[in-house]
Amino acid sequence: MIMAERAVAGRWAGQGSGRIGEVKPAPFAYHAPDTLEEALAVLAEVGHDGKVLAGGQSLVPLLSMRLASPAHVVDINKITELAYVRVGDGAVRVGALARHAAVERHPAARHEQPLLHRALEHVAHPVIRNRGTTLGSIVHADPSGEMPAVLAVLGGEVEVASTSGRRVIAAADLFLGPLESSVRPDEIAVEARFPVARPGARTAFAEVARRHGDYAVCGVAVVVERDAADDLVVARAAYLSVAGTPVVLDLLEPIKAGAPGRTGWADVDAYVQARLDPDRDIHASADYRRHLAGALTVRALRQVLAAAPDQAVA
């Protein structure tokens, strides 16, 4: 027996006035379970016909444009124990109902992993960040999303639950393609884990969008680390809006090969461009995205390598 079900009518079921120009979802059954166990039971029963609703900032537009037409929508907003941001065991832990704004403003999260705050400042607009969920954005797997790139460059992971138990998916195994993740239809992503910054680590985030808050034409998240002797030991960048999934590049070799200065940065730029094969769309050509990727990488690296470990980098 499917729990907490009510048939959706009127505007939610796409049975409005029928005026030309109106865009409404296809009919679906709505479920509002009170517990995680109830939500998982519903998903186990409906399988591929179900979609999970958390912040709704991605799913609701897809429903309205009928790009997604699930027979069942499972609203998990009553499961308030999933609305948390915690720091512990070497990670910033973000629950399924933690809003972008809560993560962005969380003092301990910002201190322990500054890249989260820096990237979240670029996510849409404040109204969207007040409703949208960070974990929802990740498992939505939009290749132009900031948070999938952040999880990828940090080597984070996502914990998912189903009626058969729980499992952890590493970022490298999570993103399968545009809007496609390895979370199964009967599973709910319950927690994202972002490793805390190591001592001496520096991070930066940069993107180009037509207007602030729009989807990025290209973006990059950068992490560098130095050892006790001040030698550079880690230099990674993750790119958004250049492929169907976040692309992570190891930049340690080209940075060490080129001395700081005009020639060295040109080598890094060329290294990045040679390893990316961007998609083209109505917003930008592949060549323009490739150029932006190289330029944004150099901009972020120049700032981050000159900054103190605790100094904010734009």
C-alpha atoms as a PDB file:
ATOM      1  CA  MET A   1       0.000   0.000   0.000  1.00  0.00           C
ATOM      2  CA  ILE A   2       1.494   3.349  -1.019  1.00  0.00           C
ATOM      3  CA  MET A   3       1.640   5.642   2.002  1.00  0.00           C
ATOM      4  CA  ALA A   4       0.826   9.347   2.330  1.00  0.00           C
ATOM      5  CA  GLU A   5      -0.711   9.493  -1.103  1.00  0.00           C
ATOM      6  CA  ARG A   6      -3.176  11.941  -2.450  1.00  0.00           C
ATOM      7  CA  ALA A   7      -4.057  12.458  -6.082  1.00  0.00           C
ATOM      8  CA  VAL A   8      -2.964  15.843  -7.294  1.00  0.00           C
ATOM      9  CA  ALA A   9      -5.741  17.939  -8.798  1.00  0.00           C
ATOM     10  CA  GLY A  10      -6.231  21.356 -10.341  1.00  0.00           C
ATOM     11  CA  ARG A  11      -3.111  23.295 -11.200  1.00  0.00           C
ATOM     12  CA  TRP A  12      -0.729  20.624  -9.864  1.00  0.00           C
ATOM     13  CA  ALA A  13      -2.233  17.975 -12.102  1.00  0.00           C
ATOM     14  CA  GLY A  14      -2.144  20.124 -15.215  1.00  0.00           C
ATOM     15  CA  GLN A  15      -5.932  20.474 -15.260  1.00  0.00           C
ATOM     16  CA  GLY A  16      -6.114  24.260 -15.303  1.00  0.00           C
ATOM     17  CA  SER A  17      -8.097  26.513 -17.554  1.00  0.00           C
ATOM     18  CA  GLY A  18      -6.258  25.343 -20.647  1.00  0.00           C
ATOM     19  CA  ARG A  19      -5.439  28.859 -21.788  1.00  0.00           C
ATOM     20  CA  ILE A  20      -2.861  29.110 -24.535  1.00  0.00           C
ATOM     21  CA  GLY A  21       0.639  29.628 -23.175  1.00  0.00           C
ATOM     22  CA  GLU A  22       0.048  27.943 -19.838  1.00  0.00           C
ATOM     23  CA  VAL A  23       2.643  25.338 -18.888  1.00  0.00           C
ATOM     24  CA  LYS A  24       1.589  22.842 -16.253  1.00  0.00           C
ATOM     25  CA  PRO A  25       2.875  19.491 -15.001  1.00  0.00           C
ATOM     26  CA  ALA A  26       1.403  16.239 -16.193  1.00  0.00           C
ATOM     27  CA  PRO A  27      -0.815  14.524 -13.581  1.00  0.00           C
ATOM     28  CA  PHE A  28       1.032  12.779 -10.754  1.00  0.00           C
ATOM     29  CA  ALA A  29       0.355  11.279  -7.341  1.00  0.00           C
ATOM     30  CA  TYR A  30       1.801  13.315  -4.484  1.00  0.00           C
ATOM     31  CA  HIS A  31       3.336  11.728  -1.369  1.00  0.00           C
ATOM     32  CA  ALA A  32       4.400  13.615   1.754  1.00  0.00           C
ATOM     33  CA  PRO A  33       5.913  11.003   4.105  1.00  0.00           C
ATOM     34  CA  ASP A  34       6.692  11.927   7.698  1.00  0.00           C
ATOM     35  CA  THR A  35       9.791   9.750   8.027  1.00  0.00           C
ATOM     36  CA  LEU A  36      12.687   8.614   5.902  1.00  0.00           C
ATOM     37  CA  GLU A  37      11.525   5.019   6.240  1.00  0.00           C
ATOM     38  CA  GLU A  38       8.118   5.918   4.788  1.00  0.00           C
ATOM     39  CA  ALA A  39       9.727   7.808   1.906  1.00  0.00           C
ATOM     40  CA  LEU A  40      11.976   4.868   1.079  1.00  0.00           C
ATOM     41  CA  ALA A  41       9.030   2.488   1.178  1.00  0.00           C
ATOM     42  CA  VAL A  42       7.164   4.619  -1.356  1.00  0.00           C
ATOM     43  CA  LEU A  43      10.175   4.712  -3.686  1.00  0.00           C
ATOM     44  CA  ALA A  44      10.662   0.973  -3.354  1.00  0.00           C
ATOM     45  CA  GLU A  45       7.075   0.486  -4.500  1.00  0.00           C
ATOM     46  CA  VAL A  46       6.913   3.003  -7.358  1.00  0.00           C
ATOM     47  CA  GLY A  47      10.462   2.464  -8.704  1.00  0.00           C
ATOM     48  CA  HIS A  48      11.270   4.377 -11.895  1.00  0.00           C
ATOM     49  CA  ASP A  49       7.909   6.161 -11.744  1.00  0.00           C
ATOM     50  CA  GLY A  50       8.949   8.248  -8.715  1.00  0.00           C
ATOM     51  CA  LYS A  51      10.861  11.503  -8.215  1.00  0.00           C
ATOM     52  CA  VAL A  52      12.061  12.992  -4.927  1.00  0.00           C
ATOM     53  CA  LEU A  53      11.158  16.620  -4.164  1.00  0.00           C
ATOM     54  CA  ALA A  54      13.389  18.539  -1.735  1.00  0.00           C
ATOM     55  CA  GLY A  55      14.089  22.176  -2.638  1.00  0.00           C
ATOM     56  CA  GLY A  56      12.236  21.872  -5.923  1.00  0.00           C
ATOM     57  CA  GLN A  57      14.276  24.542  -7.704  1.00  0.00           C
ATOM     58  CA  SER A  58      15.280  22.062 -10.408  1.00  0.00           C
ATOM     59  CA  LEU A  59      12.461  19.513 -10.346  1.00  0.00           C
ATOM     60  CA  VAL A  60       9.486  21.908 -10.415  1.00  0.00           C
ATOM     61  CA  PRO A  61      10.605  23.691 -13.620  1.00  0.00           C
ATOM     62  CA  LEU A  62      11.222  20.307 -15.251  1.00  0.00           C
ATOM     63  CA  LEU A  63       7.723  19.202 -14.259  1.00  0.00           C
ATOM     64  CA  SER A  64       6.158  22.437 -15.471  1.00  0.00           C
ATOM     65  CA  MET A  65       7.845  22.158 -18.857  1.00  0.00           C
ATOM     66  CA  ARG A  66       7.033  18.444 -18.956  1.00  0.00           C
ATOM     67  CA  LEU A  67      10.683  17.567 -19.395  1.00  0.00           C
ATOM     68  CA  ALA A  68      10.017  15.176 -16.524  1.00  0.00           C
ATOM     69  CA  SER A  69       6.685  13.398 -16.078  1.00  0.00           C
ATOM     70  CA  PRO A  70       6.896  11.072 -13.070  1.00  0.00           C
ATOM     71  CA  ALA A  71       3.752   9.272 -11.981  1.00  0.00           C
ATOM     72  CA  HIS A  72       4.693   9.885  -8.326  1.00  0.00           C
ATOM     73  CA  VAL A  73       6.376  12.813  -6.561  1.00  0.00           C
ATOM     74  CA  VAL A  74       7.760  12.103  -3.084  1.00  0.00           C
ATOM     75  CA  ASP A  75       8.086  15.317  -1.057  1.00  0.00           C
ATOM     76  CA  ILE A  76      10.624  14.796   1.751  1.00  0.00           C
ATOM     77  CA  ASN A  77      10.288  18.251   3.351  1.00  0.00           C
ATOM     78  CA  LYS A  78       8.589  16.845   6.468  1.00  0.00           C
ATOM     79  CA  ILE A  79      11.712  14.807   7.259  1.00  0.00           C
ATOM     80  CA  THR A  80      13.304  17.694   9.141  1.00  0.00           C
ATOM     81  CA  GLU A  81      16.131  15.615  10.615  1.00  0.00           C
ATOM     82  CA  LEU A  82      17.746  15.809   7.162  1.00  0.00           C
ATOM     83  CA  ALA A  83      18.004  19.618   7.368  1.00  0.00           C
ATOM     84  CA  TYR A  84      21.474  19.895   8.876  1.00  0.00           C
ATOM     85  CA  VAL A  85      25.006  21.153   8.272  1.00  0.00           C
ATOM     86  CA  ARG A  86      27.647  19.569  10.500  1.00  0.00           C
ATOM     87  CA  VAL A  87      31.406  19.467  10.704  1.00  0.00           C
ATOM     88  CA  GLY A  88      33.021  16.297  12.021  1.00  0.00           C
ATOM     89  CA  ASP A  89      35.191  13.321  11.184  1.00  0.00           C
ATOM     90  CA  GLY A  90      37.193  15.362   8.696  1.00  0.00           C
ATOM     91  CA  ALA A  91      34.250  16.491   6.593  1.00  0.00           C
ATOM     92  CA  VAL A  92      31.543  19.092   6.212  1.00  0.00           C
ATOM     93  CA  ARG A  93      28.348  17.019   6.209  1.00  0.00           C
ATOM     94  CA  VAL A  94      25.317  18.415   4.448  1.00  0.00           C
ATOM     95  CA  GLY A  95      21.920  16.775   4.872  1.00  0.00           C
ATOM     96  CA  ALA A  96      19.378  16.342   2.105  1.00  0.00           C
ATOM     97  CA  LEU A  97      17.202  19.268   3.274  1.00  0.00           C
ATOM     98  CA  ALA A  98      19.999  21.750   4.030  1.00  0.00           C
ATOM     99  CA  ARG A  99      19.357  24.819   1.874  1.00  0.00           C
ATOM    100  CA  HIS A 100      22.137  26.493  -0.082  1.00  0.00           C
ATOM    101  CA  ALA A 101      21.774  29.570   2.117  1.00  0.00           C
ATOM    102  CA  ALA A 102      22.248  27.545   5.300  1.00  0.00           C
ATOM    103  CA  VAL A 103      25.461  25.984   3.966  1.00  0.00           C
ATOM    104  CA  GLU A 104      26.705  29.311   2.629  1.00  0.00           C
ATOM    105  CA  ARG A 105      26.215  31.036   5.992  1.00  0.00           C
ATOM    106  CA  HIS A 106      27.342  28.207   8.274  1.00  0.00           C
ATOM    107  CA  PRO A 107      30.405  29.561  10.171  1.00  0.00           C
ATOM    108  CA  ALA A 108      32.076  26.202  10.826  1.00  0.00           C
ATOM    109  CA  ALA A 109      31.498  24.986   7.263  1.00  0.00           C
ATOM    110  CA  ARG A 110      32.953  28.189   5.854  1.00  0.00           C
ATOM    111  CA  HIS A 111      36.002  27.962   8.122  1.00  0.00           C
ATOM    112  CA  GLU A 112      36.722  24.274   7.550  1.00  0.00           C
ATOM    113  CA  GLN A 113      36.072  24.226   3.796  1.00  0.00           C
ATOM    114  CA  PRO A 114      36.072  27.778   2.341  1.00  0.00           C
ATOM    115  CA  LEU A 115      35.460  26.558  -1.210  1.00  0.00           C
ATOM    116  CA  LEU A 116      31.835  25.802  -0.293  1.00  0.00           C
ATOM    117  CA  HIS A 117      31.086  29.425   0.537  1.00  0.00           C
ATOM    118  CA  ARG A 118      32.997  30.743  -2.462  1.00  0.00           C
ATOM    119  CA  ALA A 119      31.121  28.547  -4.897  1.00  0.00           C
ATOM    120  CA  LEU A 120      27.704  29.015  -3.305  1.00  0.00           C
ATOM    121  CA  GLU A 121      27.957  32.774  -3.804  1.00  0.00           C
ATOM    122  CA  HIS A 122      27.675  32.036  -7.529  1.00  0.00           C
ATOM    123  CA  VAL A 123      24.630  29.751  -7.293  1.00  0.00           C
ATOM    124  CA  ALA A 124      21.632  31.479  -8.888  1.00  0.00           C
ATOM    125  CA  HIS A 125      20.146  34.257  -6.711  1.00  0.00           C
ATOM    126  CA  PRO A 126      19.437  34.594  -2.952  1.00  0.00           C
ATOM    127  CA  VAL A 127      15.765  33.644  -3.368  1.00  0.00           C
ATOM    128  CA  ILE A 128      16.782  30.402  -5.080  1.00  0.00           C
ATOM    129  CA  ARG A 129      19.473  29.691  -2.493  1.00  0.00           C
ATOM    130  CA  ASN A 130      16.900  30.097   0.286  1.00  0.00           C
ATOM    131  CA  ARG A 131      14.880  27.163  -1.120  1.00  0.00           C
ATOM    132  CA  GLY A 132      17.272  25.059  -3.187  1.00  0.00           C
ATOM    133  CA  THR A 133      19.211  22.279  -1.468  1.00  0.00           C
ATOM    134  CA  THR A 134      22.926  21.690  -1.900  1.00  0.00           C
ATOM    135  CA  LEU A 135      22.619  17.916  -2.030  1.00  0.00           C
ATOM    136  CA  GLY A 136      19.690  18.159  -4.433  1.00  0.00           C
ATOM    137  CA  SER A 137      21.811  20.281  -6.746  1.00  0.00           C
ATOM    138  CA  ILE A 138      24.560  17.669  -6.640  1.00  0.00           C
ATOM    139  CA  VAL A 139      22.419  14.638  -7.470  1.00  0.00           C
ATOM    140  CA  HIS A 140      20.539  16.637 -10.118  1.00  0.00           C
ATOM    141  CA  ALA A 141      23.910  16.391 -11.894  1.00  0.00           C
ATOM    142  CA  ASP A 142      23.527  19.498 -14.013  1.00  0.00           C
ATOM    143  CA  PRO A 143      26.921  19.926 -15.747  1.00  0.00           C
ATOM    144  CA  SER A 144      26.576  23.715 -15.367  1.00  0.00           C
ATOM    145  CA  GLY A 145      26.016  23.439 -11.606  1.00  0.00           C
ATOM    146  CA  GLU A 146      28.615  24.747  -9.202  1.00  0.00           C
ATOM    147  CA  MET A 147      28.173  22.165  -6.448  1.00  0.00           C
ATOM    148  CA  PRO A 148      28.884  19.041  -8.536  1.00  0.00           C
ATOM    149  CA  ALA A 149      32.225  20.608  -9.540  1.00  0.00           C
ATOM    150  CA  VAL A 150      33.039  21.421  -5.909  1.00  0.00           C
ATOM    151  CA  LEU A 151      32.292  17.868  -4.770  1.00  0.00           C
ATOM    152  CA  ALA A 152      34.404  16.521  -7.642  1.00  0.00           C
ATOM    153  CA  VAL A 153      37.484  18.679  -7.063  1.00  0.00           C
ATOM    154  CA  LEU A 154      37.441  17.974  -3.313  1.00  0.00           C
ATOM    155  CA  GLY A 155      37.006  14.234  -3.799  1.00  0.00           C
ATOM    156  CA  GLY A 156      33.832  14.219  -1.729  1.00  0.00           C
ATOM    157  CA  GLU A 157      31.112  11.611  -1.529  1.00  0.00           C
ATOM    158  CA  VAL A 158      27.366  11.147  -1.188  1.00  0.00           C
ATOM    159  CA  GLU A 159      25.549   8.709   1.089  1.00  0.00           C
ATOM    160  CA  VAL A 160      22.300   7.238  -0.232  1.00  0.00           C
ATOM    161  CA  ALA A 161      19.642   5.163   1.477  1.00  0.00           C
ATOM    162  CA  SER A 162      17.064   2.615   0.331  1.00  0.00           C
ATOM    163  CA  THR A 163      14.928  -0.063   1.974  1.00  0.00           C
ATOM    164  CA  SER A 164      17.861  -2.453   1.519  1.00  0.00           C
ATOM    165  CA  GLY A 165      20.359  -0.266   3.388  1.00  0.00           C
ATOM    166  CA  ARG A 166      22.846   2.504   2.760  1.00  0.00           C
ATOM    167  CA  ARG A 167      25.845   2.949   0.498  1.00  0.00           C
ATOM    168  CA  VAL A 168      28.410   5.671  -0.171  1.00  0.00           C
ATOM    169  CA  ILE A 169      29.146   6.915  -3.691  1.00  0.00           C
ATOM    170  CA  ALA A 170      32.435   8.686  -4.375  1.00  0.00           C
ATOM    171  CA  ALA A 171      32.229  11.833  -6.485  1.00  0.00           C
ATOM    172  CA  ALA A 172      34.215  10.115  -9.236  1.00  0.00           C
ATOM    173  CA  ASP A 173      31.451   7.496  -9.527  1.00  0.00           C
ATOM    174  CA  LEU A 174      28.431   9.745  -9.006  1.00  0.00           C
ATOM    175  CA  PHE A 175      28.101  11.695 -12.248  1.00  0.00           C
ATOM    176  CA  LEU A 176      27.212   9.608 -15.290  1.00  0.00           C
ATOM    177  CA  GLY A 177      26.076  12.251 -17.774  1.00  0.00           C
ATOM    178  CA  PRO A 178      23.979  15.409 -18.108  1.00  0.00           C
ATOM    179  CA  LEU A 179      21.256  15.261 -15.434  1.00  0.00           C
ATOM    180  CA  GLU A 180      22.191  11.633 -14.739  1.00  0.00           C
ATOM    181  CA  SER A 181      23.715  10.275 -11.540  1.00  0.00           C
ATOM    182  CA  SER A 182      24.336   6.799 -10.162  1.00  0.00           C
ATOM    183  CA  VAL A 183      21.677   7.256  -7.471  1.00  0.00           C
ATOM    184  CA  ARG A 184      19.093   4.524  -8.129  1.00  0.00           C
ATOM    185  CA  PRO A 185      15.356   5.282  -8.459  1.00  0.00           C
ATOM    186  CA  ASP A 186      14.639   3.516  -5.151  1.00  0.00           C
ATOM    187  CA  GLU A 187      17.281   5.540  -3.282  1.00  0.00           C
ATOM    188  CA  ILE A 188      17.320   8.924  -1.563  1.00  0.00           C
ATOM    189  CA  ALA A 189      20.567  10.858  -1.276  1.00  0.00           C
ATOM    190  CA  VAL A 190      20.698  11.688   2.431  1.00  0.00           C
ATOM    191  CA  GLU A 191      24.102  13.323   2.944  1.00  0.00           C
ATOM    192  CA  ALA A 192      26.927  14.975   1.005  1.00  0.00           C
ATOM    193  CA  ARG A 193      30.416  14.971   2.526  1.00  0.00           C
ATOM    194  CA  PHE A 194      33.027  17.557   1.603  1.00  0.00           C
ATOM    195  CA  PRO A 195      36.522  16.922   3.048  1.00  0.00           C
ATOM    196  CA  VAL A 196      37.728  19.758   5.254  1.00  0.00           C
ATOM    197  CA  ALA A 197      40.643  21.806   3.978  1.00  0.00           C
ATOM    198  CA  ARG A 198      44.060  20.545   5.000  1.00  0.00           C
ATOM    199  CA  PRO A 199      46.474  22.898   6.809  1.00  0.00           C
ATOM    200  CA  GLY A 200      47.947  25.300   4.285  1.00  0.00           C
ATOM    201  CA  ALA A 201      45.355  24.563   1.617  1.00  0.00           C
ATOM    202  CA  ARG A 202      44.069  27.324  -0.614  1.00  0.00           C
ATOM    203  CA  THR A 203      40.973  27.354  -2.762  1.00  0.00           C
ATOM    204  CA  ALA A 204      39.415  29.554  -5.412  1.00  0.00           C
ATOM    205  CA  PHE A 205      36.302  29.642  -7.546  1.00  0.00           C
ATOM    206  CA  ALA A 206      35.702  31.632 -10.717  1.00  0.00           C
ATOM    207  CA  GLU A 207      33.079  31.573 -13.437  1.00  0.00           C
ATOM    208  CA  VAL A 208      31.748  33.614 -16.335  1.00  0.00           C
ATOM    209  CA  ALA A 209      27.995  34.027 -16.821  1.00  0.00           C
ATOM    210  CA  ARG A 210      25.988  36.335 -19.049  1.00  0.00           C
ATOM    211  CA  ARG A 211      24.537  37.855 -15.889  1.00  0.00           C
ATOM    212  CA  HIS A 212      25.285  37.149 -12.247  1.00  0.00           C
ATOM    213  CA  GLY A 213      23.108  34.247 -11.175  1.00  0.00           C
ATOM    214  CA  ASP A 214      22.662  32.852 -14.672  1.00  0.00           C
ATOM    215  CA  TYR A 215      24.030  29.441 -15.591  1.00  0.00           C
ATOM    216  CA  ALA A 216      27.777  29.668 -16.057  1.00  0.00           C
ATOM    217  CA  VAL A 217      29.166  29.680 -19.582  1.00  0.00           C
ATOM    218  CA  CYS A 218      32.288  28.232 -17.957  1.00  0.00           C
ATOM    219  CA  GLY A 219      33.533  27.892 -14.412  1.00  0.00           C
ATOM    220  CA  VAL A 220      36.426  26.460 -12.436  1.00  0.00           C
ATOM    221  CA  ALA A 221      37.018  25.372  -8.832  1.00  0.00           C
ATOM    222  CA  VAL A 222      40.679  25.172  -7.782  1.00  0.00           C
ATOM    223  CA  VAL A 223      42.417  23.506  -4.822  1.00  0.00           C
ATOM    224  CA  VAL A 224      46.138  23.762  -4.088  1.00  0.00           C
ATOM    225  CA  GLU A 225      48.145  22.461  -1.137  1.00  0.00           C
ATOM    226  CA  ARG A 226      51.735  22.935   0.051  1.00  0.00           C
ATOM    227  CA  ASP A 227      53.768  20.732   2.370  1.00  0.00           C
ATOM    228  CA  ALA A 228      55.754  21.784   5.443  1.00  0.00           C
ATOM    229  CA  ALA A 229      58.649  22.863   3.207  1.00  0.00           C
ATOM    230  CA  ASP A 230      56.270  25.103   1.240  1.00  0.00           C
ATOM    231  CA  ASP A 231      56.524  22.904  -1.838  1.00  0.00           C
ATOM    232  CA  LEU A 232      53.417  22.613  -3.961  1.00  0.00           C
ATOM    233  CA  VAL A 233      52.080  19.047  -3.609  1.00  0.00           C
ATOM    234  CA  VAL A 234      48.477  19.318  -4.841  1.00  0.00           C
ATOM    235  CA  ALA A 235      46.966  21.403  -7.619  1.00  0.00           C
ATOM    236  CA  ARG A 236      43.567  20.356  -8.988  1.00  0.00           C
ATOM    237  CA  ALA A 237      40.828  22.083 -10.911  1.00  0.00           C
ATOM    238  CA  ALA A 238      37.271  21.028 -11.685  1.00  0.00           C
ATOM    239  CA  TYR A 239      35.354  22.573 -14.579  1.00  0.00           C
ATOM    240  CA  LEU A 240      31.655  23.170 -15.035  1.00  0.00           C
ATOM    241  CA  SER A 241      29.762  23.848 -18.263  1.00  0.00           C
ATOM    242  CA  VAL A 242      32.429  22.262 -20.450  1.00  0.00           C
ATOM    243  CA  ALA A 243      31.196  18.656 -20.619  1.00  0.00           C
ATOM    244  CA  GLY A 244      28.344  16.385 -19.600  1.00  0.00           C
ATOM    245  CA  THR A 245      29.903  15.854 -16.158  1.00  0.00           C
ATOM    246  CA  PRO A 246      32.406  17.813 -14.031  1.00  0.00           C
ATOM    247  CA  VAL A 247      35.929  17.488 -15.459  1.00  0.00           C
ATOM    248  CA  VAL A 248      38.816  17.311 -12.974  1.00  0.00           C
ATOM    249  CA  LEU A 249      42.393  18.053 -14.085  1.00  0.00           C
ATOM    250  CA  ASP A 250      45.648  17.593 -12.157  1.00  0.00           C
ATOM    251  CA  LEU A 251      47.612  20.803 -12.726  1.00  0.00           C
ATOM    252  CA  LEU A 252      50.662  20.043 -10.599  1.00  0.00           C
ATOM    253  CA  GLU A 253      52.891  19.053 -13.521  1.00  0.00           C
ATOM    254  CA  PRO A 254      52.291  22.096 -15.755  1.00  0.00           C
ATOM    255  CA  ILE A 255      52.544  24.509 -12.809  1.00  0.00           C
ATOM    256  CA  LYS A 256      55.906  23.078 -11.730  1.00  0.00           C
ATOM    257  CA  ALA A 257      57.155  22.880 -15.297  1.00  0.00           C
ATOM    258  CA  GLY A 258      56.549  26.561 -15.993  1.00  0.00           C
ATOM    259  CA  ALA A 259      58.229  29.198 -13.848  1.00  0.00           C
ATOM    260  CA  PRO A 260      55.806  31.802 -12.447  1.00  0.00           C
ATOM    261  CA  GLY A 261      55.478  34.548 -14.962  1.00  0.00           C
ATOM    262  CA  ARG A 262      54.013  35.156 -18.347  1.00  0.00           C
ATOM    263  CA  THR A 263      55.544  32.108 -20.040  1.00  0.00           C
ATOM    264  CA  GLY A 264      54.655  29.745 -17.198  1.00  0.00           C
ATOM    265  CA  TRP A 265      51.029  30.813 -17.087  1.00  0.00           C
ATOM    266  CA  ALA A 266      50.776  30.490 -20.854  1.00  0.00           C
ATOM    267  CA  ASP A 267      51.919  26.873 -20.477  1.00  0.00           C
ATOM    268  CA  VAL A 268      49.202  26.199 -17.899  1.00  0.00           C
ATOM    269  CA  ASP A 269      46.604  27.829 -20.138  1.00  0.00           C
ATOM    270  CA  ALA A 270      47.696  25.670 -23.079  1.00  0.00           C
ATOM    271  CA  TYR A 271      47.731  22.529 -20.908  1.00  0.00           C
ATOM    272  CA  VAL A 272      44.131  23.082 -19.816  1.00  0.00           C
ATOM    273  CA  GLN A 273      42.859  23.915 -23.288  1.00  0.00           C
ATOM    274  CA  ALA A 274      44.508  20.840 -24.776  1.00  0.00           C
ATOM    275  CA  ARG A 275      42.730  18.535 -22.334  1.00  0.00           C
ATOM    276  CA  LEU A 276      39.201  19.878 -22.594  1.00  0.00           C
ATOM    277  CA  ASP A 277      36.694  19.175 -25.327  1.00  0.00           C
ATOM    278  CA  PRO A 278      33.846  21.552 -24.473  1.00  0.00           C
ATOM    279  CA  ASP A 279      30.315  21.301 -25.717  1.00  0.00           C
ATOM    280  CA  ARG A 280      28.794  24.062 -27.828  1.00  0.00           C
ATOM    281  CA  ASP A 281      25.299  25.480 -27.465  1.00  0.00           C
ATOM    282  CA  ILE A 282      23.362  28.671 -28.119  1.00  0.00           C
ATOM    283  CA  HIS A 283      25.313  30.469 -25.389  1.00  0.00           C
ATOM    284  CA  ALA A 284      28.895  29.786 -26.456  1.00  0.00           C
ATOM    285  CA  SER A 285      31.020  27.996 -29.003  1.00  0.00           C
ATOM    286  CA  ALA A 286      33.345  25.176 -28.011  1.00  0.00           C
ATOM    287  CA  ASP A 287      36.387  27.348 -28.781  1.00  0.00           C
ATOM    288  CA  TYR A 288      35.117  30.160 -26.566  1.00  0.00           C
ATOM    289  CA  ARG A 289      34.485  27.784 -23.672  1.00  0.00           C
ATOM    290  CA  ARG A 290      37.955  26.285 -24.138  1.00  0.00           C
ATOM    291  CA  HIS A 291      39.485  29.769 -24.050  1.00  0.00           C
ATOM    292  CA  LEU A 292      37.500  30.678 -20.915  1.00  0.00           C
ATOM    293  CA  ALA A 293      38.592  27.487 -19.154  1.00  0.00           C
ATOM    294  CA  GLY A 294      42.237  28.306 -19.660  1.00  0.00           C
ATOM    295  CA  ALA A 295      41.867  31.969 -18.732  1.00  0.00           C
ATOM    296  CA  LEU A 296      39.792  31.275 -15.611  1.00  0.00           C
ATOM    297  CA  THR A 297      42.268  28.618 -14.472  1.00  0.00           C
ATOM    298  CA  VAL A 298      45.167  31.045 -14.738  1.00  0.00           C
ATOM    299  CA  ARG A 299      43.176  33.771 -12.969  1.00  0.00           C
ATOM    300  CA  ALA A 300      42.251  31.464 -10.085  1.00  0.00           C
ATOM    301  CA  LEU A 301      45.752  29.989  -9.751  1.00  0.00           C
ATOM    302  CA  ARG A 302      47.467  33.376  -9.767  1.00  0.00           C
ATOM    303  CA  GLN A 303      45.212  34.531  -6.944  1.00  0.00           C
ATOM    304  CA  VAL A 304      45.328  31.348  -4.922  1.00  0.00           C
ATOM    305  CA  LEU A 305      49.097  30.832  -5.102  1.00  0.00           C
ATOM    306  CA  ALA A 306      49.682  34.385  -3.922  1.00  0.00           C
ATOM    307  CA  ALA A 307      47.185  34.172  -1.048  1.00  0.00           C
ATOM    308  CA  ALA A 308      47.792  33.245   2.553  1.00  0.00           C
ATOM    309  CA  PRO A 309      46.189  29.952   3.611  1.00  0.00           C
ATOM    310  CA  ASP A 310      43.295  31.695   5.374  1.00  0.00           C
ATOM    311  CA  GLN A 311      42.956  34.573   2.924  1.00  0.00           C
ATOM    312  CA  ALA A 312      39.746  34.753   0.911  1.00  0.00           C
ATOM    313  CA  VAL A 313      40.187  34.323  -2.815  1.00  0.00           C
ATOM    314  CA  ALA A 314      37.541  35.609  -5.226  1.00  0.00           C
END
